[in-house]
Protein backbone atom coordinates (compact mmCIF):
# COMPACT_ATOMS: atom_id res chain seq x y z
CA MET A 1 -178.18 29.99 74.15
CA PRO A 2 -174.68 28.24 74.70
CA ILE A 3 -173.03 28.57 78.04
CA VAL A 4 -169.30 29.22 77.86
CA THR A 5 -166.42 29.57 80.54
CA THR A 6 -163.37 31.28 79.62
CA SER A 7 -160.45 33.31 81.07
CA CYS A 8 -161.00 37.15 80.77
CA LEU A 9 -159.66 40.51 81.57
CA VAL A 10 -162.02 43.40 82.72
CA LEU A 11 -161.52 46.40 80.48
CA GLN A 12 -164.33 48.59 81.60
CA THR A 13 -167.45 48.66 83.79
CA TYR A 14 -170.40 50.91 84.32
CA ARG A 15 -173.57 51.02 86.27
CA PHE A 16 -176.83 49.58 84.68
CA GLY A 17 -179.78 50.42 86.76
CA ASP A 18 -179.71 50.40 90.46
CA THR A 19 -178.08 46.97 91.08
CA SER A 20 -176.40 45.73 87.99
CA LYS A 21 -173.25 46.38 85.79
CA ILE A 22 -172.32 46.13 82.26
CA LEU A 23 -168.81 44.74 81.74
CA ARG A 24 -166.54 45.20 78.74
CA LEU A 25 -164.23 42.12 78.78
CA LEU A 26 -161.45 40.69 76.69
CA THR A 27 -161.86 36.97 76.82
CA ARG A 28 -159.29 34.39 75.91
CA GLU A 29 -161.44 32.33 73.66
CA HIS A 30 -164.08 34.72 72.24
CA GLY A 31 -162.28 38.06 72.00
CA PRO A 32 -164.09 41.24 73.09
CA VAL A 33 -167.36 40.58 74.84
CA SER A 34 -169.94 42.81 76.61
CA ALA A 35 -171.78 41.19 79.50
CA LEU A 36 -174.57 42.24 81.91
CA ALA A 37 -173.86 41.25 85.50
CA ARG A 38 -177.25 41.33 87.09
CA GLY A 39 -177.26 42.26 90.88
CA ALA A 40 -173.48 42.74 90.95
CA LEU A 41 -174.00 46.07 92.92
CA ARG A 42 -176.05 44.45 95.67
CA PRO A 43 -174.17 44.48 98.96
CA LYS A 44 -174.66 40.75 99.51
CA SER A 45 -173.67 39.75 95.86
CA ARG A 46 -170.49 37.57 95.92
CA MET A 47 -169.44 39.77 92.88
CA SER A 48 -169.82 43.08 94.80
CA GLY A 49 -166.51 44.93 94.63
CA VAL A 50 -164.95 42.26 92.43
CA LEU A 51 -165.86 43.24 88.93
CA GLU A 52 -163.58 46.20 88.49
CA PRO A 53 -161.21 47.29 85.68
CA PHE A 54 -157.98 45.37 85.26
CA VAL A 55 -159.41 42.35 87.06
CA GLU A 56 -158.52 38.90 85.81
CA GLY A 57 -160.90 35.92 86.22
CA VAL A 58 -162.64 33.02 84.84
CA VAL A 59 -166.10 34.14 83.55
CA THR A 60 -169.18 31.98 82.69
CA LEU A 61 -171.47 33.59 80.03
CA TYR A 62 -174.72 32.93 78.29
CA LEU A 63 -173.77 33.83 74.86
CA LYS A 64 -176.82 35.05 72.85
CA PRO A 65 -176.39 34.67 69.02
CA ASN A 66 -176.58 37.89 67.13
CA ARG A 67 -176.57 39.90 70.25
CA ASP A 68 -173.97 42.53 71.44
CA LEU A 69 -174.86 42.10 75.15
CA HIS A 70 -174.60 38.80 76.85
CA THR A 71 -175.41 37.64 80.35
CA LEU A 72 -172.85 36.94 83.02
CA SER A 73 -173.64 33.75 85.00
CA GLY A 74 -170.54 33.50 87.24
CA PHE A 75 -167.09 34.96 87.86
CA ASP A 76 -164.16 33.51 89.72
CA LEU A 77 -161.47 35.96 90.54
CA VAL A 78 -157.88 35.13 89.60
CA ARG A 79 -156.14 38.57 90.29
CA SER A 80 -157.64 41.85 91.35
CA ARG A 81 -154.73 44.30 90.61
CA GLN A 82 -156.41 46.84 92.86
CA LEU A 83 -152.96 48.37 93.75
CA LEU A 84 -152.67 49.84 90.13
CA GLY A 85 -154.88 52.61 91.51
CA ALA A 86 -152.39 53.50 94.18
CA ASP A 87 -150.04 55.30 91.86
CA MET A 88 -151.11 57.75 89.03
CA ALA A 89 -148.56 56.67 86.43
CA ARG A 90 -149.34 52.98 86.92
CA PHE A 91 -153.07 53.58 86.77
CA ALA A 92 -152.77 55.84 83.69
CA GLY A 93 -150.68 53.25 81.86
CA ALA A 94 -153.04 50.44 82.71
CA SER A 95 -155.98 52.62 81.52
CA VAL A 96 -154.28 53.34 78.18
CA LEU A 97 -153.71 49.62 77.71
CA ALA A 98 -157.31 48.70 78.41
CA GLU A 99 -158.71 51.52 76.29
CA LEU A 100 -156.67 50.61 73.31
CA VAL A 101 -157.85 47.01 73.47
CA LEU A 102 -161.43 48.24 74.08
CA ARG A 103 -161.33 50.41 70.93
CA LEU A 104 -159.06 48.31 68.61
CA ALA A 105 -159.09 44.71 69.51
CA PRO A 106 -160.21 42.30 66.59
CA ALA A 107 -163.54 40.58 67.11
CA GLU A 108 -162.00 37.13 67.09
CA ARG A 109 -159.65 35.37 69.41
CA ASP A 110 -156.18 36.81 69.68
CA ASP A 111 -154.00 35.11 72.20
CA LEU A 112 -151.02 37.38 71.47
CA LEU A 113 -153.14 40.45 72.27
CA TYR A 114 -154.54 38.83 75.35
CA ASP A 115 -151.20 37.90 76.77
CA SER A 116 -149.70 41.27 75.89
CA LEU A 117 -152.45 43.06 77.85
CA ARG A 118 -152.17 40.63 80.93
CA GLU A 119 -148.34 40.89 80.98
CA GLY A 120 -148.54 44.65 80.67
CA LEU A 121 -150.90 44.99 83.58
CA ASP A 122 -148.72 42.76 85.75
CA ALA A 123 -145.56 44.69 84.76
CA LEU A 124 -147.22 47.91 85.82
CA LEU A 125 -148.41 46.32 89.10
CA ALA A 126 -144.83 45.23 89.91
CA ALA A 127 -143.12 48.50 88.84
CA PRO A 128 -141.66 50.72 91.46
CA VAL A 129 -143.10 54.23 91.49
CA GLU A 130 -139.90 55.77 90.00
CA THR A 131 -139.90 53.51 86.97
CA ALA A 132 -143.62 53.29 86.37
CA PRO A 133 -143.72 55.95 83.53
CA GLY A 134 -141.06 54.08 81.66
CA VAL A 135 -142.75 50.72 82.20
CA ALA A 136 -146.02 52.18 81.12
CA ALA A 137 -144.45 53.56 77.84
CA ALA A 138 -142.70 50.31 77.02
CA ARG A 139 -145.74 48.23 77.51
CA ILE A 140 -147.93 50.53 75.50
CA TRP A 141 -145.47 50.44 72.54
CA LYS A 142 -145.47 46.71 72.83
CA LEU A 143 -149.21 46.64 72.53
CA VAL A 144 -149.02 49.03 69.60
CA GLY A 145 -146.68 46.50 67.88
CA VAL A 146 -149.07 43.70 68.67
CA LEU A 147 -151.86 45.57 66.99
CA GLY A 148 -149.70 45.78 63.93
CA PHE A 149 -148.15 49.29 64.09
CA GLU A 150 -144.43 50.02 64.79
CA PRO A 151 -142.52 53.22 64.09
CA SER A 152 -139.52 53.10 61.89
CA LEU A 153 -136.44 54.03 64.05
CA ASP A 154 -133.30 52.60 62.40
CA SER A 155 -132.81 54.63 59.17
CA CYS A 156 -133.73 57.98 57.92
CA LEU A 157 -137.08 58.03 56.08
CA SER A 158 -135.59 60.57 53.54
CA CYS A 159 -132.08 59.41 52.60
CA GLY A 160 -132.25 55.81 53.97
CA ARG A 161 -129.00 56.29 55.86
CA PRO A 162 -128.84 54.34 59.25
CA VAL A 163 -128.94 56.82 62.03
CA PRO A 164 -126.70 56.14 65.17
CA SER A 165 -128.12 57.12 68.38
CA GLU A 166 -125.26 59.63 69.07
CA GLU A 167 -126.41 61.77 66.17
CA GLY A 168 -129.81 62.23 67.44
CA ALA A 169 -132.76 62.74 64.93
CA ARG A 170 -136.26 64.15 64.44
CA PHE A 171 -139.33 62.02 64.72
CA ASP A 172 -141.92 62.52 61.92
CA THR A 173 -145.33 61.71 63.38
CA MET A 174 -147.13 61.57 60.13
CA GLU A 175 -144.77 59.21 58.42
CA GLY A 176 -144.20 57.26 61.64
CA GLY A 177 -140.46 57.27 61.83
CA ILE A 178 -137.15 59.29 62.15
CA ARG A 179 -135.28 61.48 59.80
CA CYS A 180 -131.69 62.53 60.17
CA LEU A 181 -130.84 66.01 61.21
CA ARG A 182 -129.50 66.77 57.71
CA CYS A 183 -132.84 65.77 56.06
CA ALA A 184 -135.49 66.93 58.69
CA PRO A 185 -136.38 70.53 59.00
CA ALA A 186 -139.21 69.88 61.42
CA GLY A 187 -140.44 67.17 63.81
CA HIS A 188 -139.91 66.21 67.36
CA ALA A 189 -136.27 66.84 68.07
CA LEU A 190 -134.49 63.92 69.81
CA ASP A 191 -130.93 64.20 71.09
CA SER A 192 -128.69 61.29 71.45
CA ARG A 193 -130.20 60.18 74.71
CA GLY A 194 -133.83 60.93 73.63
CA LEU A 195 -133.35 58.75 70.44
CA GLU A 196 -131.73 55.89 72.34
CA THR A 197 -134.62 56.13 74.91
CA LEU A 198 -137.14 55.88 72.14
CA ARG A 199 -135.39 52.84 70.61
CA GLU A 200 -135.34 51.16 74.07
CA LEU A 201 -139.05 51.73 74.66
CA CYS A 202 -139.98 50.36 71.18
CA ASP A 203 -137.79 47.35 71.90
CA TYR A 204 -139.93 46.86 75.09
CA ARG A 205 -136.99 47.78 77.31
CA VAL A 206 -137.44 50.12 80.25
CA PRO A 207 -134.82 52.92 80.31
CA GLY A 208 -133.50 54.22 83.64
CA GLN A 209 -135.22 57.50 82.99
CA LEU A 210 -137.44 58.92 80.26
CA ALA A 211 -135.65 61.52 77.96
CA GLY A 212 -137.13 63.65 75.35
CA PRO A 213 -140.66 64.16 74.35
CA GLN A 214 -141.43 60.35 74.73
CA MET A 215 -145.05 60.49 75.88
CA LEU A 216 -146.05 63.16 73.35
CA ILE A 217 -144.55 61.04 70.49
CA LEU A 218 -146.35 57.98 71.72
CA LYS A 219 -149.69 59.99 72.08
CA GLU A 220 -149.40 61.42 68.58
CA PHE A 221 -148.31 58.12 66.95
CA ILE A 222 -151.38 56.34 68.36
CA ARG A 223 -153.75 59.05 67.33
CA VAL A 224 -152.41 59.24 63.77
CA HIS A 225 -151.60 55.67 62.99
CA ILE A 226 -153.87 53.55 65.14
CA ALA A 227 -156.87 55.50 66.56
CA GLU A 228 -157.43 57.42 63.32
CA ASP A 229 -158.05 60.52 65.28
CA ILE A 230 -160.30 58.87 67.84
CA ARG A 231 -159.39 60.45 71.19
CA ILE A 232 -157.86 57.98 73.67
CA ARG A 233 -158.86 59.79 76.86
CA SER A 234 -156.62 57.79 79.17
CA LEU A 235 -153.61 58.67 76.81
CA ASP A 236 -154.29 62.33 77.57
CA PHE A 237 -154.20 61.57 81.20
CA LEU A 238 -150.92 59.58 80.88
CA THR A 239 -149.15 62.48 79.33
CA THR A 240 -150.06 64.83 82.11
CA THR A 241 -148.38 62.47 84.68
CA ASP A 242 -145.07 62.99 82.77
CA ASP A 243 -145.13 66.78 83.27
């Protein structure tokens, strides 16, 4: 039973028995890991109140070969990010990032994914309340790209013609890209501002203000192209914060 120490981000926690917790972690060196933190809910435990979603730390684990649940031996806090819970948009954005990683991360080490999640959480933590929805959308699109999925936003999927932002377009969710207004009878309508906003978000830039059905496009793109119709519950919550 090897003992390993690695950086980690806490994706999810839930109670196990009266005094323990099960943690879902993304570790730097070993990818996604589930761990049992025995006694973490005891008032005198040094881990009490520390092991929460979005926390970053250095974890020591007993890795059990051919087992899905390992044992946590120690945890040193690096960053708590508790203030993400102070604003609904920031909390919802962080929850989407964590849930996407939880459901879709590869089993092996992936430094790019780890860094994208950590940077996304930090960007949300630093975001002013008024820009938090845009920061959340941009960071989720970045994570979508890291997972290997990006929409096609430069040229019309039908005629191949480059579409300037000032023309607007329609977004075809099933095909994962835009069609010019001459070719597209249906799809999410994007005026010039909405198309430019979508391009900014997918280039990981934060627009001054969201324009068009941005959150709905993001939600449907993830559902169709990444989650394969698996419901990402936190994404439903994020779209309600944009109403």
